[in-house]
Amino acid sequence: MSKQHVPGLGDREYPVEDKDLSEEQNTHLTAALRAVRDNGAASPDLKDLARTMLSGRMEIKDVLDSPAGHRALTDGLAGLRDQWRALPPEQRQSLRHVGDEDEDARDRAGAHGDRRGGRSGY
């Protein structure tokens, strides 16, 4: 049985408001941070980083300057990389197609119209 997240310090009910990001990017970042915070498989350090960012105590641009933020991201990404490499090639290919389909749907909906700096991704 999975443990349900109990709202508390660091929980927001509105998007992150980073002035260097578009509204869409802020909304996406908020959703991603909430997903990490609520993910039972995420490391405690990564969850704590997500809570810190959601509470407004740290901005995304400051994460890598913070020893705890840098450690949480690099350790968390290493775990994700290992999980990805452990997947059978067919499953990895299937997941790639899902991501491509999601991006195509956003393109058709015009969701890429407000990107700053000409970036093509988040």
C-alpha atoms as a PDB file:
ATOM      1  CA  MET A   1       0.000   0.000   0.000  1.00  0.00           C
ATOM      2  CA  SER A   2       1.431   3.406  -0.928  1.00  0.00           C
ATOM      3  CA  LYS A   3       1.600   6.229   1.524  1.00  0.00           C
ATOM      4  CA  GLN A   4      -0.460   9.296   0.599  1.00  0.00           C
ATOM      5  CA  HIS A   5       1.279  12.685   0.849  1.00  0.00           C
ATOM      6  CA  VAL A   6       0.000  14.802   3.718  1.00  0.00           C
ATOM      7  CA  PRO A   7       0.081  18.534   2.849  1.00  0.00           C
ATOM      8  CA  GLY A   8       2.372  20.605   5.018  1.00  0.00           C
ATOM      9  CA  LEU A   9       5.291  23.011   4.872  1.00  0.00           C
ATOM     10  CA  GLY A  10       6.478  23.480   1.313  1.00  0.00           C
ATOM     11  CA  ASP A  11       3.191  22.598  -0.363  1.00  0.00           C
ATOM     12  CA  ARG A  12       1.781  25.125  -2.816  1.00  0.00           C
ATOM     13  CA  GLU A  13      -1.525  25.261  -4.538  1.00  0.00           C
ATOM     14  CA  TYR A  14      -0.307  27.713  -7.190  1.00  0.00           C
ATOM     15  CA  PRO A  15       2.531  27.608  -9.760  1.00  0.00           C
ATOM     16  CA  VAL A  16       6.154  28.420  -9.100  1.00  0.00           C
ATOM     17  CA  GLU A  17       6.717  32.000 -10.257  1.00  0.00           C
ATOM     18  CA  ASP A  18      10.257  32.105 -11.632  1.00  0.00           C
ATOM     19  CA  LYS A  19      10.597  35.353 -13.569  1.00  0.00           C
ATOM     20  CA  ASP A  20      13.020  33.748 -16.049  1.00  0.00           C
ATOM     21  CA  LEU A  21      10.453  31.132 -17.112  1.00  0.00           C
ATOM     22  CA  SER A  22       7.249  31.389 -19.113  1.00  0.00           C
ATOM     23  CA  GLU A  23       3.917  30.749 -17.426  1.00  0.00           C
ATOM     24  CA  GLU A  24       3.756  27.321 -19.093  1.00  0.00           C
ATOM     25  CA  GLN A  25       7.247  26.443 -17.875  1.00  0.00           C
ATOM     26  CA  ASN A  26       6.407  27.550 -14.322  1.00  0.00           C
ATOM     27  CA  THR A  27       3.272  25.399 -14.392  1.00  0.00           C
ATOM     28  CA  HIS A  28       5.230  22.426 -15.729  1.00  0.00           C
ATOM     29  CA  LEU A  29       7.973  22.918 -13.114  1.00  0.00           C
ATOM     30  CA  THR A  30       5.406  23.045 -10.311  1.00  0.00           C
ATOM     31  CA  ALA A  31       3.765  19.831 -11.532  1.00  0.00           C
ATOM     32  CA  ALA A  32       7.146  18.102 -11.835  1.00  0.00           C
ATOM     33  CA  LEU A  33       8.208  19.189  -8.335  1.00  0.00           C
ATOM     34  CA  ARG A  34       4.916  17.944  -6.877  1.00  0.00           C
ATOM     35  CA  ALA A  35       5.375  14.625  -8.689  1.00  0.00           C
ATOM     36  CA  VAL A  36       8.882  14.234  -7.241  1.00  0.00           C
ATOM     37  CA  ARG A  37       7.687  15.247  -3.772  1.00  0.00           C
ATOM     38  CA  ASP A  38       4.907  12.638  -3.897  1.00  0.00           C
ATOM     39  CA  ASN A  39       6.922   9.858  -5.579  1.00  0.00           C
ATOM     40  CA  GLY A  40       7.563   6.973  -3.216  1.00  0.00           C
ATOM     41  CA  ALA A  41      10.578   5.880  -5.267  1.00  0.00           C
ATOM     42  CA  ALA A  42      12.337   9.281  -5.108  1.00  0.00           C
ATOM     43  CA  SER A  43      15.193   9.657  -2.657  1.00  0.00           C
ATOM     44  CA  PRO A  44      14.557  11.607   0.553  1.00  0.00           C
ATOM     45  CA  ASP A  45      17.096  14.245  -0.571  1.00  0.00           C
ATOM     46  CA  LEU A  46      15.318  14.735  -3.894  1.00  0.00           C
ATOM     47  CA  LYS A  47      11.937  15.000  -2.155  1.00  0.00           C
ATOM     48  CA  ASP A  48      13.371  17.554   0.267  1.00  0.00           C
ATOM     49  CA  LEU A  49      14.760  19.580  -2.641  1.00  0.00           C
ATOM     50  CA  ALA A  50      11.326  19.562  -4.288  1.00  0.00           C
ATOM     51  CA  ARG A  51       9.693  20.733  -1.029  1.00  0.00           C
ATOM     52  CA  THR A  52      12.298  23.481  -0.643  1.00  0.00           C
ATOM     53  CA  MET A  53      11.640  24.737  -4.167  1.00  0.00           C
ATOM     54  CA  LEU A  54       7.861  24.506  -3.770  1.00  0.00           C
ATOM     55  CA  SER A  55       8.037  26.539  -0.571  1.00  0.00           C
ATOM     56  CA  GLY A  56       9.876  29.296  -2.440  1.00  0.00           C
ATOM     57  CA  ARG A  57      13.015  28.930  -0.317  1.00  0.00           C
ATOM     58  CA  MET A  58      15.129  28.104  -3.393  1.00  0.00           C
ATOM     59  CA  GLU A  59      14.836  28.985  -7.073  1.00  0.00           C
ATOM     60  CA  ILE A  60      15.777  26.621  -9.850  1.00  0.00           C
ATOM     61  CA  LYS A  61      18.795  28.761 -10.805  1.00  0.00           C
ATOM     62  CA  ASP A  62      20.219  28.277  -7.289  1.00  0.00           C
ATOM     63  CA  VAL A  63      19.878  24.489  -7.097  1.00  0.00           C
ATOM     64  CA  LEU A  64      23.315  23.620  -8.465  1.00  0.00           C
ATOM     65  CA  ASP A  65      25.000  26.284  -6.308  1.00  0.00           C
ATOM     66  CA  SER A  66      23.611  24.574  -3.218  1.00  0.00           C
ATOM     67  CA  PRO A  67      25.668  21.543  -2.094  1.00  0.00           C
ATOM     68  CA  ALA A  68      22.493  19.760  -0.948  1.00  0.00           C
ATOM     69  CA  GLY A  69      20.675  20.622  -4.188  1.00  0.00           C
ATOM     70  CA  HIS A  70      23.572  19.507  -6.354  1.00  0.00           C
ATOM     71  CA  ARG A  71      23.917  16.239  -4.440  1.00  0.00           C
ATOM     72  CA  ALA A  72      20.162  15.515  -4.582  1.00  0.00           C
ATOM     73  CA  LEU A  73      20.030  16.117  -8.334  1.00  0.00           C
ATOM     74  CA  THR A  74      23.155  14.197  -9.271  1.00  0.00           C
ATOM     75  CA  ASP A  75      22.289  11.227  -7.042  1.00  0.00           C
ATOM     76  CA  GLY A  76      18.670  11.300  -8.221  1.00  0.00           C
ATOM     77  CA  LEU A  77      19.645  11.465 -11.889  1.00  0.00           C
ATOM     78  CA  ALA A  78      22.137   8.621 -11.432  1.00  0.00           C
ATOM     79  CA  GLY A  79      19.327   6.465 -10.055  1.00  0.00           C
ATOM     80  CA  LEU A  80      17.057   7.369 -12.959  1.00  0.00           C
ATOM     81  CA  ARG A  81      19.861   6.617 -15.424  1.00  0.00           C
ATOM     82  CA  ASP A  82      20.351   3.182 -13.838  1.00  0.00           C
ATOM     83  CA  GLN A  83      16.606   2.470 -13.992  1.00  0.00           C
ATOM     84  CA  TRP A  84      16.531   3.533 -17.660  1.00  0.00           C
ATOM     85  CA  ARG A  85      19.470   1.289 -18.538  1.00  0.00           C
ATOM     86  CA  ALA A  86      17.795  -1.653 -16.767  1.00  0.00           C
ATOM     87  CA  LEU A  87      14.708  -1.414 -19.023  1.00  0.00           C
ATOM     88  CA  PRO A  88      14.498  -3.747 -22.009  1.00  0.00           C
ATOM     89  CA  PRO A  89      15.235  -1.942 -25.299  1.00  0.00           C
ATOM     90  CA  GLU A  90      11.625  -2.424 -26.466  1.00  0.00           C
ATOM     91  CA  GLN A  91      10.262  -0.658 -23.379  1.00  0.00           C
ATOM     92  CA  ARG A  92      12.727   2.227 -23.751  1.00  0.00           C
ATOM     93  CA  GLN A  93      11.662   2.647 -27.381  1.00  0.00           C
ATOM     94  CA  SER A  94       7.999   2.601 -26.369  1.00  0.00           C
ATOM     95  CA  LEU A  95       8.618   5.309 -23.753  1.00  0.00           C
ATOM     96  CA  ARG A  96      10.463   7.435 -26.301  1.00  0.00           C
ATOM     97  CA  HIS A  97       7.422   7.275 -28.601  1.00  0.00           C
ATOM     98  CA  VAL A  98       5.101   8.342 -25.773  1.00  0.00           C
ATOM     99  CA  GLY A  99       7.278  11.419 -25.190  1.00  0.00           C
ATOM    100  CA  ASP A 100       7.288  12.196 -28.914  1.00  0.00           C
ATOM    101  CA  GLU A 101       3.483  11.890 -29.051  1.00  0.00           C
ATOM    102  CA  ASP A 102       3.110  14.201 -26.035  1.00  0.00           C
ATOM    103  CA  GLU A 103       5.323  16.814 -27.678  1.00  0.00           C
ATOM    104  CA  ASP A 104       3.427  16.498 -30.973  1.00  0.00           C
ATOM    105  CA  ALA A 105       0.139  17.059 -29.115  1.00  0.00           C
ATOM    106  CA  ARG A 106       1.553  20.184 -27.437  1.00  0.00           C
ATOM    107  CA  ASP A 107       2.750  21.436 -30.836  1.00  0.00           C
ATOM    108  CA  ARG A 108      -0.719  20.969 -32.334  1.00  0.00           C
ATOM    109  CA  ALA A 109      -2.258  22.801 -29.383  1.00  0.00           C
ATOM    110  CA  GLY A 110       0.145  25.717 -29.847  1.00  0.00           C
ATOM    111  CA  ALA A 111       1.740  25.212 -26.437  1.00  0.00           C
ATOM    112  CA  HIS A 112       5.237  26.069 -27.665  1.00  0.00           C
ATOM    113  CA  GLY A 113       4.345  29.622 -28.663  1.00  0.00           C
ATOM    114  CA  ASP A 114       5.608  31.352 -25.503  1.00  0.00           C
ATOM    115  CA  ARG A 115       9.092  29.971 -25.120  1.00  0.00           C
ATOM    116  CA  ARG A 116      11.718  32.471 -24.031  1.00  0.00           C
ATOM    117  CA  GLY A 117      15.143  32.504 -25.582  1.00  0.00           C
ATOM    118  CA  GLY A 118      14.086  30.235 -28.441  1.00  0.00           C
ATOM    119  CA  ARG A 119      14.523  27.075 -26.404  1.00  0.00           C
ATOM    120  CA  SER A 120      12.755  23.995 -27.695  1.00  0.00           C
ATOM    121  CA  GLY A 121      12.376  22.256 -24.320  1.00  0.00           C
ATOM    122  CA  TYR A 122      11.790  22.865 -20.667  1.00  0.00           C
END
